[in-house]
Amino acid sequence: MRRLLKRYGTLEEDLSTFTSATLRLLASGEYPPEPLGLFPVRGKEVSGKGFYVAKKFACRSLKGTGVNSGIRVVLQWLPETDEVCLVEIYHKNEKEVEDLERIRVILKGQ
């Protein structure tokens, strides 16, 4: 996160806005999250555990790209407490897919 913050100055504020909007979307249950760029993380152990990867994330520091910024955000939605926990953030040019090992560690701790 620190490395990305150096490159993209608005990232912290963009994440706050994104988290609030995502929480409202997931809590409402009215819309499927896929059309808005939220996809369930695939993996045998993590399927159905509330982990999502956001492939449409708007970062104002990347002018002209809008939601096609290339930044990926992995999050977990905890419906019991109505919280969104950020798990990982990366640029798609630096990494292909989310870190499933990190997600497994989170699941073991719950």
PDB file of N, CA and C in Angstrom:
ATOM      1  N   MET A   1       0.826  -1.192   0.000  1.00  0.00           N
ATOM      2  CA  MET A   1       0.000   0.000   0.000  1.00  0.00           C
ATOM      3  C   MET A   1       0.873   1.260   0.000  1.00  0.00           C
ATOM      4  N   ARG A   2       1.926   1.243   0.838  1.00  0.00           N
ATOM      5  CA  ARG A   2       2.789   2.431   0.906  1.00  0.00           C
ATOM      6  C   ARG A   2       3.410   2.755  -0.444  1.00  0.00           C
ATOM      7  N   ARG A   3       3.848   1.717  -1.138  1.00  0.00           N
ATOM      8  CA  ARG A   3       4.470   1.920  -2.447  1.00  0.00           C
ATOM      9  C   ARG A   3       3.469   2.504  -3.439  1.00  0.00           C
ATOM     10  N   LEU A   4       2.254   2.002  -3.425  1.00  0.00           N
ATOM     11  CA  LEU A   4       1.230   2.524  -4.328  1.00  0.00           C
ATOM     12  C   LEU A   4       0.836   3.950  -3.957  1.00  0.00           C
ATOM     13  N   LEU A   5       0.809   4.256  -2.651  1.00  0.00           N
ATOM     14  CA  LEU A   5       0.479   5.616  -2.213  1.00  0.00           C
ATOM     15  C   LEU A   5       1.492   6.638  -2.717  1.00  0.00           C
ATOM     16  N   LYS A   6       2.750   6.244  -2.814  1.00  0.00           N
ATOM     17  CA  LYS A   6       3.772   7.160  -3.335  1.00  0.00           C
ATOM     18  C   LYS A   6       3.502   7.494  -4.795  1.00  0.00           C
ATOM     19  N   ARG A   7       3.036   6.501  -5.534  1.00  0.00           N
ATOM     20  CA  ARG A   7       2.763   6.697  -6.960  1.00  0.00           C
ATOM     21  C   ARG A   7       1.421   7.368  -7.225  1.00  0.00           C
ATOM     22  N   TYR A   8       0.432   7.014  -6.426  1.00  0.00           N
ATOM     23  CA  TYR A   8      -0.929   7.491  -6.652  1.00  0.00           C
ATOM     24  C   TYR A   8      -1.401   8.227  -5.404  1.00  0.00           C
ATOM     25  N   GLY A   9      -1.236   9.518  -5.381  1.00  0.00           N
ATOM     26  CA  GLY A   9      -1.497  10.339  -4.207  1.00  0.00           C
ATOM     27  C   GLY A   9      -2.929  10.330  -3.701  1.00  0.00           C
ATOM     28  N   THR A  10      -3.884  10.092  -4.573  1.00  0.00           N
ATOM     29  CA  THR A  10      -5.289  10.131  -4.161  1.00  0.00           C
ATOM     30  C   THR A  10      -5.810   8.762  -3.726  1.00  0.00           C
ATOM     31  N   LEU A  11      -4.959   7.764  -3.712  1.00  0.00           N
ATOM     32  CA  LEU A  11      -5.386   6.384  -3.490  1.00  0.00           C
ATOM     33  C   LEU A  11      -6.124   6.187  -2.160  1.00  0.00           C
ATOM     34  N   GLU A  12      -5.637   6.788  -1.091  1.00  0.00           N
ATOM     35  CA  GLU A  12      -6.277   6.598   0.217  1.00  0.00           C
ATOM     36  C   GLU A  12      -7.711   7.122   0.212  1.00  0.00           C
ATOM     37  N   GLU A  13      -7.906   8.300  -0.332  1.00  0.00           N
ATOM     38  CA  GLU A  13      -9.257   8.871  -0.414  1.00  0.00           C
ATOM     39  C   GLU A  13     -10.135   8.066  -1.378  1.00  0.00           C
ATOM     40  N   ASP A  14      -9.551   7.629  -2.493  1.00  0.00           N
ATOM     41  CA  ASP A  14     -10.295   6.812  -3.453  1.00  0.00           C
ATOM     42  C   ASP A  14     -10.736   5.497  -2.821  1.00  0.00           C
ATOM     43  N   LEU A  15      -9.871   4.901  -2.003  1.00  0.00           N
ATOM     44  CA  LEU A  15     -10.224   3.659  -1.316  1.00  0.00           C
ATOM     45  C   LEU A  15     -11.363   3.868  -0.329  1.00  0.00           C
ATOM     46  N   SER A  16     -11.355   4.980   0.362  1.00  0.00           N
ATOM     47  CA  SER A  16     -12.420   5.281   1.319  1.00  0.00           C
ATOM     48  C   SER A  16     -13.765   5.410   0.605  1.00  0.00           C
ATOM     49  N   THR A  17     -13.774   6.128  -0.497  1.00  0.00           N
ATOM     50  CA  THR A  17     -14.992   6.283  -1.292  1.00  0.00           C
ATOM     51  C   THR A  17     -15.460   4.932  -1.827  1.00  0.00           C
ATOM     52  N   PHE A  18     -14.515   4.159  -2.350  1.00  0.00           N
ATOM     53  CA  PHE A  18     -14.816   2.847  -2.909  1.00  0.00           C
ATOM     54  C   PHE A  18     -15.386   1.913  -1.834  1.00  0.00           C
ATOM     55  N   THR A  19     -14.779   1.903  -0.653  1.00  0.00           N
ATOM     56  CA  THR A  19     -15.223   1.026   0.426  1.00  0.00           C
ATOM     57  C   THR A  19     -16.647   1.364   0.853  1.00  0.00           C
ATOM     58  N   SER A  20     -16.954   2.640   0.981  1.00  0.00           N
ATOM     59  CA  SER A  20     -18.311   3.049   1.368  1.00  0.00           C
ATOM     60  C   SER A  20     -19.330   2.614   0.327  1.00  0.00           C
ATOM     61  N   ALA A  21     -19.015   2.846  -0.941  1.00  0.00           N
ATOM     62  CA  ALA A  21     -19.936   2.472  -2.021  1.00  0.00           C
ATOM     63  C   ALA A  21     -20.102   0.960  -2.102  1.00  0.00           C
ATOM     64  N   THR A  22     -19.020   0.221  -1.922  1.00  0.00           N
ATOM     65  CA  THR A  22     -19.077  -1.236  -1.975  1.00  0.00           C
ATOM     66  C   THR A  22     -19.905  -1.790  -0.831  1.00  0.00           C
ATOM     67  N   LEU A  23     -19.723  -1.232   0.351  1.00  0.00           N
ATOM     68  CA  LEU A  23     -20.489  -1.681   1.514  1.00  0.00           C
ATOM     69  C   LEU A  23     -21.981  -1.473   1.292  1.00  0.00           C
ATOM     70  N   ARG A  24     -22.341  -0.309   0.766  1.00  0.00           N
ATOM     71  CA  ARG A  24     -23.764  -0.051   0.488  1.00  0.00           C
ATOM     72  C   ARG A  24     -24.304  -1.049  -0.536  1.00  0.00           C
ATOM     73  N   LEU A  25     -23.514  -1.330  -1.574  1.00  0.00           N
ATOM     74  CA  LEU A  25     -23.938  -2.253  -2.626  1.00  0.00           C
ATOM     75  C   LEU A  25     -24.132  -3.663  -2.073  1.00  0.00           C
ATOM     76  N   LEU A  26     -23.140  -4.160  -1.343  1.00  0.00           N
ATOM     77  CA  LEU A  26     -23.223  -5.523  -0.831  1.00  0.00           C
ATOM     78  C   LEU A  26     -24.313  -5.664   0.224  1.00  0.00           C
ATOM     79  N   ALA A  27     -24.451  -4.665   1.075  1.00  0.00           N
ATOM     80  CA  ALA A  27     -25.459  -4.727   2.133  1.00  0.00           C
ATOM     81  C   ALA A  27     -26.876  -4.652   1.579  1.00  0.00           C
ATOM     82  N   SER A  28     -27.061  -3.941   0.477  1.00  0.00           N
ATOM     83  CA  SER A  28     -28.403  -3.800  -0.086  1.00  0.00           C
ATOM     84  C   SER A  28     -28.915  -5.110  -0.665  1.00  0.00           C
ATOM     85  N   GLY A  29     -28.015  -5.887  -1.268  1.00  0.00           N
ATOM     86  CA  GLY A  29     -28.402  -7.150  -1.876  1.00  0.00           C
ATOM     87  C   GLY A  29     -29.288  -6.983  -3.095  1.00  0.00           C
ATOM     88  N   GLU A  30     -29.514  -5.740  -3.528  1.00  0.00           N
ATOM     89  CA  GLU A  30     -30.409  -5.495  -4.657  1.00  0.00           C
ATOM     90  C   GLU A  30     -29.774  -5.783  -6.010  1.00  0.00           C
ATOM     91  N   TYR A  31     -28.473  -5.539  -6.112  1.00  0.00           N
ATOM     92  CA  TYR A  31     -27.807  -5.683  -7.400  1.00  0.00           C
ATOM     93  C   TYR A  31     -26.731  -6.750  -7.303  1.00  0.00           C
ATOM     94  N   PRO A  32     -26.594  -7.553  -8.335  1.00  0.00           N
ATOM     95  CA  PRO A  32     -25.435  -8.453  -8.315  1.00  0.00           C
ATOM     96  C   PRO A  32     -24.168  -7.618  -8.474  1.00  0.00           C
ATOM     97  N   PRO A  33     -23.110  -7.940  -7.754  1.00  0.00           N
ATOM     98  CA  PRO A  33     -21.915  -7.098  -7.785  1.00  0.00           C
ATOM     99  C   PRO A  33     -21.125  -7.154  -9.091  1.00  0.00           C
ATOM    100  N   GLU A  34     -21.280  -8.189  -9.916  1.00  0.00           N
ATOM    101  CA  GLU A  34     -20.466  -8.331 -11.119  1.00  0.00           C
ATOM    102  C   GLU A  34     -20.567  -7.158 -12.097  1.00  0.00           C
ATOM    103  N   PRO A  35     -21.775  -6.624 -12.368  1.00  0.00           N
ATOM    104  CA  PRO A  35     -21.832  -5.510 -13.318  1.00  0.00           C
ATOM    105  C   PRO A  35     -21.043  -4.284 -12.869  1.00  0.00           C
ATOM    106  N   LEU A  36     -20.793  -4.162 -11.577  1.00  0.00           N
ATOM    107  CA  LEU A  36     -20.038  -3.026 -11.081  1.00  0.00           C
ATOM    108  C   LEU A  36     -18.572  -3.363 -10.877  1.00  0.00           C
ATOM    109  N   GLY A  37     -18.136  -4.498 -11.396  1.00  0.00           N
ATOM    110  CA  GLY A  37     -16.724  -4.846 -11.347  1.00  0.00           C
ATOM    111  C   GLY A  37     -16.279  -5.620 -10.136  1.00  0.00           C
ATOM    112  N   LEU A  38     -17.203  -6.118  -9.321  1.00  0.00           N
ATOM    113  CA  LEU A  38     -16.852  -6.965  -8.179  1.00  0.00           C
ATOM    114  C   LEU A  38     -17.077  -8.422  -8.561  1.00  0.00           C
ATOM    115  N   PHE A  39     -16.032  -9.218  -8.448  1.00  0.00           N
ATOM    116  CA  PHE A  39     -16.123 -10.628  -8.798  1.00  0.00           C
ATOM    117  C   PHE A  39     -15.697 -11.468  -7.606  1.00  0.00           C
ATOM    118  N   PRO A  40     -16.407 -12.556  -7.325  1.00  0.00           N
ATOM    119  CA  PRO A  40     -15.977 -13.430  -6.221  1.00  0.00           C
ATOM    120  C   PRO A  40     -14.594 -13.998  -6.513  1.00  0.00           C
ATOM    121  N   VAL A  41     -13.763 -14.101  -5.492  1.00  0.00           N
ATOM    122  CA  VAL A  41     -12.442 -14.710  -5.649  1.00  0.00           C
ATOM    123  C   VAL A  41     -12.655 -16.198  -5.859  1.00  0.00           C
ATOM    124  N   ARG A  42     -12.000 -16.729  -6.869  1.00  0.00           N
ATOM    125  CA  ARG A  42     -12.135 -18.146  -7.199  1.00  0.00           C
ATOM    126  C   ARG A  42     -11.088 -18.954  -6.438  1.00  0.00           C
ATOM    127  N   GLY A  43     -11.486 -20.074  -5.970  1.00  0.00           N
ATOM    128  CA  GLY A  43     -10.591 -20.964  -5.236  1.00  0.00           C
ATOM    129  C   GLY A  43     -11.416 -21.876  -4.363  1.00  0.00           C
ATOM    130  N   LYS A  44     -11.023 -23.123  -4.296  1.00  0.00           N
ATOM    131  CA  LYS A  44     -11.801 -24.119  -3.580  1.00  0.00           C
ATOM    132  C   LYS A  44     -12.065 -23.723  -2.126  1.00  0.00           C
ATOM    133  N   GLU A  45     -11.027 -23.266  -1.424  1.00  0.00           N
ATOM    134  CA  GLU A  45     -11.182 -22.968  -0.004  1.00  0.00           C
ATOM    135  C   GLU A  45     -11.823 -21.614   0.268  1.00  0.00           C
ATOM    136  N   VAL A  46     -11.804 -20.704  -0.704  1.00  0.00           N
ATOM    137  CA  VAL A  46     -12.292 -19.348  -0.454  1.00  0.00           C
ATOM    138  C   VAL A  46     -13.650 -19.074  -1.090  1.00  0.00           C
ATOM    139  N   SER A  47     -14.114 -19.965  -1.926  1.00  0.00           N
ATOM    140  CA  SER A  47     -15.386 -19.768  -2.602  1.00  0.00           C
ATOM    141  C   SER A  47     -16.525 -19.662  -1.594  1.00  0.00           C
ATOM    142  N   GLY A  48     -17.332 -18.613  -1.729  1.00  0.00           N
ATOM    143  CA  GLY A  48     -18.470 -18.421  -0.860  1.00  0.00           C
ATOM    144  C   GLY A  48     -18.149 -17.853   0.511  1.00  0.00           C
ATOM    145  N   LYS A  49     -16.932 -17.391   0.715  1.00  0.00           N
ATOM    146  CA  LYS A  49     -16.511 -16.862   2.018  1.00  0.00           C
ATOM    147  C   LYS A  49     -16.547 -15.333   2.072  1.00  0.00           C
ATOM    148  N   GLY A  50     -17.103 -14.695   1.046  1.00  0.00           N
ATOM    149  CA  GLY A  50     -17.240 -13.241   1.064  1.00  0.00           C
ATOM    150  C   GLY A  50     -16.050 -12.479   0.519  1.00  0.00           C
ATOM    151  N   PHE A  51     -15.145 -13.153  -0.186  1.00  0.00           N
ATOM    152  CA  PHE A  51     -13.993 -12.479  -0.775  1.00  0.00           C
ATOM    153  C   PHE A  51     -14.312 -12.064  -2.205  1.00  0.00           C
ATOM    154  N   TYR A  52     -13.993 -10.819  -2.512  1.00  0.00           N
ATOM    155  CA  TYR A  52     -14.244 -10.275  -3.848  1.00  0.00           C
ATOM    156  C   TYR A  52     -12.994  -9.568  -4.351  1.00  0.00           C
ATOM    157  N   VAL A  53     -12.854  -9.536  -5.671  1.00  0.00           N
ATOM    158  CA  VAL A  53     -11.812  -8.725  -6.289  1.00  0.00           C
ATOM    159  C   VAL A  53     -12.529  -7.672  -7.128  1.00  0.00           C
ATOM    160  N   ALA A  54     -12.155  -6.431  -6.919  1.00  0.00           N
ATOM    161  CA  ALA A  54     -12.733  -5.315  -7.672  1.00  0.00           C
ATOM    162  C   ALA A  54     -11.822  -5.037  -8.856  1.00  0.00           C
ATOM    163  N   LYS A  55     -12.356  -5.208 -10.038  1.00  0.00           N
ATOM    164  CA  LYS A  55     -11.571  -4.983 -11.253  1.00  0.00           C
ATOM    165  C   LYS A  55     -11.867  -3.637 -11.874  1.00  0.00           C
ATOM    166  N   LYS A  56     -12.835  -2.934 -11.330  1.00  0.00           N
ATOM    167  CA  LYS A  56     -13.151  -1.573 -11.799  1.00  0.00           C
ATOM    168  C   LYS A  56     -12.994  -0.636 -10.615  1.00  0.00           C
ATOM    169  N   PHE A  57     -11.819  -0.065 -10.499  1.00  0.00           N
ATOM    170  CA  PHE A  57     -11.515   0.823  -9.382  1.00  0.00           C
ATOM    171  C   PHE A  57     -11.039   2.146  -9.944  1.00  0.00           C
ATOM    172  N   ALA A  58     -11.751   3.207  -9.654  1.00  0.00           N
ATOM    173  CA  ALA A  58     -11.398   4.531 -10.171  1.00  0.00           C
ATOM    174  C   ALA A  58     -10.380   5.182  -9.249  1.00  0.00           C
ATOM    175  N   CYS A  59      -9.233   5.544  -9.811  1.00  0.00           N
ATOM    176  CA  CYS A  59      -8.197   6.249  -9.064  1.00  0.00           C
ATOM    177  C   CYS A  59      -7.976   7.594  -9.752  1.00  0.00           C
ATOM    178  N   ARG A  60      -8.248   8.668  -9.031  1.00  0.00           N
ATOM    179  CA  ARG A  60      -8.143  10.007  -9.618  1.00  0.00           C
ATOM    180  C   ARG A  60      -6.723  10.371 -10.015  1.00  0.00           C
ATOM    181  N   SER A  61      -5.723   9.726  -9.428  1.00  0.00           N
ATOM    182  CA  SER A  61      -4.331  10.006  -9.790  1.00  0.00           C
ATOM    183  C   SER A  61      -3.998   9.516 -11.195  1.00  0.00           C
ATOM    184  N   LEU A  62      -4.765   8.588 -11.680  1.00  0.00           N
ATOM    185  CA  LEU A  62      -4.576   8.070 -13.039  1.00  0.00           C
ATOM    186  C   LEU A  62      -5.599   8.740 -13.943  1.00  0.00           C
ATOM    187  N   LYS A  63      -5.344   9.969 -14.266  1.00  0.00           N
ATOM    188  CA  LYS A  63      -6.289  10.773 -15.046  1.00  0.00           C
ATOM    189  C   LYS A  63      -6.576  10.130 -16.405  1.00  0.00           C
ATOM    190  N   GLY A  64      -7.856  10.188 -16.773  1.00  0.00           N
ATOM    191  CA  GLY A  64      -8.256   9.699 -18.083  1.00  0.00           C
ATOM    192  C   GLY A  64      -8.526   8.210 -18.150  1.00  0.00           C
ATOM    193  N   THR A  65      -8.290   7.474 -17.057  1.00  0.00           N
ATOM    194  CA  THR A  65      -8.527   6.029 -17.112  1.00  0.00           C
ATOM    195  C   THR A  65      -9.845   5.629 -16.475  1.00  0.00           C
ATOM    196  N   GLY A  66     -10.375   6.455 -15.582  1.00  0.00           N
ATOM    197  CA  GLY A  66     -11.636   6.129 -14.914  1.00  0.00           C
ATOM    198  C   GLY A  66     -11.547   4.822 -14.175  1.00  0.00           C
ATOM    199  N   VAL A  67     -12.546   3.958 -14.360  1.00  0.00           N
ATOM    200  CA  VAL A  67     -12.550   2.673 -13.668  1.00  0.00           C
ATOM    201  C   VAL A  67     -11.591   1.667 -14.318  1.00  0.00           C
ATOM    202  N   ASN A  68     -11.005   2.022 -15.433  1.00  0.00           N
ATOM    203  CA  ASN A  68     -10.035   1.150 -16.093  1.00  0.00           C
ATOM    204  C   ASN A  68      -8.611   1.489 -15.665  1.00  0.00           C
ATOM    205  N   SER A  69      -8.430   1.832 -14.397  1.00  0.00           N
ATOM    206  CA  SER A  69      -7.130   2.273 -13.900  1.00  0.00           C
ATOM    207  C   SER A  69      -6.107   1.155 -13.848  1.00  0.00           C
ATOM    208  N   GLY A  70      -6.554  -0.084 -13.771  1.00  0.00           N
ATOM    209  CA  GLY A  70      -5.629  -1.205 -13.657  1.00  0.00           C
ATOM    210  C   GLY A  70      -5.339  -1.583 -12.218  1.00  0.00           C
ATOM    211  N   ILE A  71      -5.896  -0.855 -11.282  1.00  0.00           N
ATOM    212  CA  ILE A  71      -5.698  -1.182  -9.876  1.00  0.00           C
ATOM    213  C   ILE A  71      -6.763  -2.196  -9.469  1.00  0.00           C
ATOM    214  N   ARG A  72      -6.301  -3.247  -8.797  1.00  0.00           N
ATOM    215  CA  ARG A  72      -7.200  -4.288  -8.309  1.00  0.00           C
ATOM    216  C   ARG A  72      -7.260  -4.214  -6.785  1.00  0.00           C
ATOM    217  N   VAL A  73      -8.449  -4.382  -6.245  1.00  0.00           N
ATOM    218  CA  VAL A  73      -8.646  -4.359  -4.804  1.00  0.00           C
ATOM    219  C   VAL A  73      -9.315  -5.669  -4.400  1.00  0.00           C
ATOM    220  N   VAL A  74      -8.684  -6.389  -3.481  1.00  0.00           N
ATOM    221  CA  VAL A  74      -9.263  -7.623  -2.953  1.00  0.00           C
ATOM    222  C   VAL A  74      -9.825  -7.290  -1.577  1.00  0.00           C
ATOM    223  N   LEU A  75     -11.073  -7.675  -1.355  1.00  0.00           N
ATOM    224  CA  LEU A  75     -11.724  -7.346  -0.092  1.00  0.00           C
ATOM    225  C   LEU A  75     -12.542  -8.522   0.397  1.00  0.00           C
ATOM    226  N   GLN A  76     -12.875  -8.456   1.686  1.00  0.00           N
ATOM    227  CA  GLN A  76     -13.778  -9.441   2.267  1.00  0.00           C
ATOM    228  C   GLN A  76     -14.942  -8.689   2.876  1.00  0.00           C
ATOM    229  N   TRP A  77     -16.142  -9.139   2.570  1.00  0.00           N
ATOM    230  CA  TRP A  77     -17.338  -8.545   3.153  1.00  0.00           C
ATOM    231  C   TRP A  77     -17.792  -9.449   4.289  1.00  0.00           C
ATOM    232  N   LEU A  78     -17.959  -8.853   5.463  1.00  0.00           N
ATOM    233  CA  LEU A  78     -18.430  -9.576   6.642  1.00  0.00           C
ATOM    234  C   LEU A  78     -19.864  -9.138   6.928  1.00  0.00           C
ATOM    235  N   PRO A  79     -20.859  -9.884   6.437  1.00  0.00           N
ATOM    236  CA  PRO A  79     -22.245  -9.453   6.571  1.00  0.00           C
ATOM    237  C   PRO A  79     -22.727  -9.396   8.025  1.00  0.00           C
ATOM    238  N   GLU A  80     -22.130 -10.206   8.916  1.00  0.00           N
ATOM    239  CA  GLU A  80     -22.568 -10.206  10.323  1.00  0.00           C
ATOM    240  C   GLU A  80     -22.350  -8.842  10.965  1.00  0.00           C
ATOM    241  N   THR A  81     -21.218  -8.215  10.627  1.00  0.00           N
ATOM    242  CA  THR A  81     -20.881  -6.915  11.213  1.00  0.00           C
ATOM    243  C   THR A  81     -21.026  -5.780  10.210  1.00  0.00           C
ATOM    244  N   ASP A  82     -21.406  -6.125   8.976  1.00  0.00           N
ATOM    245  CA  ASP A  82     -21.574  -5.145   7.900  1.00  0.00           C
ATOM    246  C   ASP A  82     -20.283  -4.342   7.683  1.00  0.00           C
ATOM    247  N   GLU A  83     -19.168  -5.070   7.561  1.00  0.00           N
ATOM    248  CA  GLU A  83     -17.869  -4.454   7.349  1.00  0.00           C
ATOM    249  C   GLU A  83     -17.254  -4.937   6.045  1.00  0.00           C
ATOM    250  N   VAL A  84     -16.448  -4.068   5.448  1.00  0.00           N
ATOM    251  CA  VAL A  84     -15.627  -4.434   4.306  1.00  0.00           C
ATOM    252  C   VAL A  84     -14.181  -4.339   4.753  1.00  0.00           C
ATOM    253  N   CYS A  85     -13.452  -5.453   4.676  1.00  0.00           N
ATOM    254  CA  CYS A  85     -12.043  -5.483   5.073  1.00  0.00           C
ATOM    255  C   CYS A  85     -11.183  -5.567   3.824  1.00  0.00           C
ATOM    256  N   LEU A  86     -10.269  -4.628   3.696  1.00  0.00           N
ATOM    257  CA  LEU A  86      -9.361  -4.650   2.565  1.00  0.00           C
ATOM    258  C   LEU A  86      -8.291  -5.708   2.802  1.00  0.00           C
ATOM    259  N   VAL A  87      -8.092  -6.587   1.823  1.00  0.00           N
ATOM    260  CA  VAL A  87      -7.150  -7.685   1.946  1.00  0.00           C
ATOM    261  C   VAL A  87      -5.868  -7.377   1.186  1.00  0.00           C
ATOM    262  N   GLU A  88      -6.019  -6.841  -0.013  1.00  0.00           N
ATOM    263  CA  GLU A  88      -4.854  -6.633  -0.870  1.00  0.00           C
ATOM    264  C   GLU A  88      -5.191  -5.589  -1.932  1.00  0.00           C
ATOM    265  N   ILE A  89      -4.182  -4.837  -2.329  1.00  0.00           N
ATOM    266  CA  ILE A  89      -4.334  -3.889  -3.424  1.00  0.00           C
ATOM    267  C   ILE A  89      -3.072  -3.982  -4.269  1.00  0.00           C
ATOM    268  N   TYR A  90      -3.259  -4.041  -5.576  1.00  0.00           N
ATOM    269  CA  TYR A  90      -2.109  -4.152  -6.474  1.00  0.00           C
ATOM    270  C   TYR A  90      -2.485  -3.611  -7.842  1.00  0.00           C
ATOM    271  N   HIS A  91      -1.473  -3.335  -8.652  1.00  0.00           N
ATOM    272  CA  HIS A  91      -1.696  -2.911 -10.031  1.00  0.00           C
ATOM    273  C   HIS A  91      -1.595  -4.148 -10.909  1.00  0.00           C
ATOM    274  N   LYS A  92      -2.487  -4.272 -11.864  1.00  0.00           N
ATOM    275  CA  LYS A  92      -2.537  -5.495 -12.665  1.00  0.00           C
ATOM    276  C   LYS A  92      -1.278  -5.715 -13.500  1.00  0.00           C
ATOM    277  N   ASN A  93      -0.491  -4.681 -13.737  1.00  0.00           N
ATOM    278  CA  ASN A  93       0.761  -4.856 -14.472  1.00  0.00           C
ATOM    279  C   ASN A  93       1.850  -5.478 -13.609  1.00  0.00           C
ATOM    280  N   GLU A  94       1.700  -5.407 -12.293  1.00  0.00           N
ATOM    281  CA  GLU A  94       2.700  -5.946 -11.379  1.00  0.00           C
ATOM    282  C   GLU A  94       2.399  -7.373 -10.944  1.00  0.00           C
ATOM    283  N   LYS A  95       1.148  -7.772 -11.071  1.00  0.00           N
ATOM    284  CA  LYS A  95       0.723  -9.066 -10.559  1.00  0.00           C
ATOM    285  C   LYS A  95      -0.501  -9.520 -11.338  1.00  0.00           C
ATOM    286  N   GLU A  96      -0.578 -10.816 -11.640  1.00  0.00           N
ATOM    287  CA  GLU A  96      -1.698 -11.306 -12.438  1.00  0.00           C
ATOM    288  C   GLU A  96      -2.975 -11.532 -11.643  1.00  0.00           C
ATOM    289  N   VAL A  97      -2.847 -12.220 -10.519  1.00  0.00           N
ATOM    290  CA  VAL A  97      -4.042 -12.579  -9.736  1.00  0.00           C
ATOM    291  C   VAL A  97      -3.814 -12.314  -8.254  1.00  0.00           C
ATOM    292  N   GLU A  98      -4.899 -12.381  -7.504  1.00  0.00           N
ATOM    293  CA  GLU A  98      -4.838 -12.147  -6.065  1.00  0.00           C
ATOM    294  C   GLU A  98      -4.053 -13.254  -5.362  1.00  0.00           C
ATOM    295  N   ASP A  99      -3.567 -12.940  -4.181  1.00  0.00           N
ATOM    296  CA  ASP A  99      -2.759 -13.845  -3.378  1.00  0.00           C
ATOM    297  C   ASP A  99      -3.670 -14.762  -2.565  1.00  0.00           C
ATOM    298  N   LEU A 100      -3.917 -15.966  -3.064  1.00  0.00           N
ATOM    299  CA  LEU A 100      -4.812 -16.900  -2.379  1.00  0.00           C
ATOM    300  C   LEU A 100      -4.242 -17.355  -1.047  1.00  0.00           C
ATOM    301  N   GLU A 101      -2.922 -17.397  -0.931  1.00  0.00           N
ATOM    302  CA  GLU A 101      -2.303 -17.799   0.339  1.00  0.00           C
ATOM    303  C   GLU A 101      -2.623 -16.789   1.441  1.00  0.00           C
ATOM    304  N   ARG A 102      -2.603 -15.511   1.104  1.00  0.00           N
ATOM    305  CA  ARG A 102      -2.957 -14.465   2.075  1.00  0.00           C
ATOM    306  C   ARG A 102      -4.405 -14.640   2.536  1.00  0.00           C
ATOM    307  N   ILE A 103      -5.293 -14.969   1.605  1.00  0.00           N
ATOM    308  CA  ILE A 103      -6.703 -15.179   1.936  1.00  0.00           C
ATOM    309  C   ILE A 103      -6.873 -16.399   2.830  1.00  0.00           C
ATOM    310  N   ARG A 104      -6.120 -17.454   2.553  1.00  0.00           N
ATOM    311  CA  ARG A 104      -6.192 -18.660   3.386  1.00  0.00           C
ATOM    312  C   ARG A 104      -5.766 -18.359   4.820  1.00  0.00           C
ATOM    313  N   VAL A 105      -4.726 -17.537   4.983  1.00  0.00           N
ATOM    314  CA  VAL A 105      -4.261 -17.152   6.314  1.00  0.00           C
ATOM    315  C   VAL A 105      -5.347 -16.382   7.056  1.00  0.00           C
ATOM    316  N   ILE A 106      -6.036 -15.499   6.362  1.00  0.00           N
ATOM    317  CA  ILE A 106      -7.137 -14.733   6.974  1.00  0.00           C
ATOM    318  C   ILE A 106      -8.243 -15.683   7.419  1.00  0.00           C
ATOM    319  N   LEU A 107      -8.572 -16.652   6.579  1.00  0.00           N
ATOM    320  CA  LEU A 107      -9.623 -17.605   6.929  1.00  0.00           C
ATOM    321  C   LEU A 107      -9.247 -18.459   8.141  1.00  0.00           C
ATOM    322  N   LYS A 108      -7.971 -18.822   8.255  1.00  0.00           N
ATOM    323  CA  LYS A 108      -7.536 -19.619   9.405  1.00  0.00           C
ATOM    324  C   LYS A 108      -7.663 -18.822  10.698  1.00  0.00           C
ATOM    325  N   GLY A 109      -7.461 -17.507  10.617  1.00  0.00           N
ATOM    326  CA  GLY A 109      -7.531 -16.663  11.803  1.00  0.00           C
ATOM    327  C   GLY A 109      -8.938 -16.324  12.251  1.00  0.00           C
ATOM    328  N   GLN A 110      -9.927 -16.639  11.451  1.00  0.00           N
ATOM    329  CA  GLN A 110     -11.308 -16.277  11.796  1.00  0.00           C
ATOM    330  C   GLN A 110     -11.972 -17.330  12.653  1.00  0.00           C
TER     331      GLN A 110
END
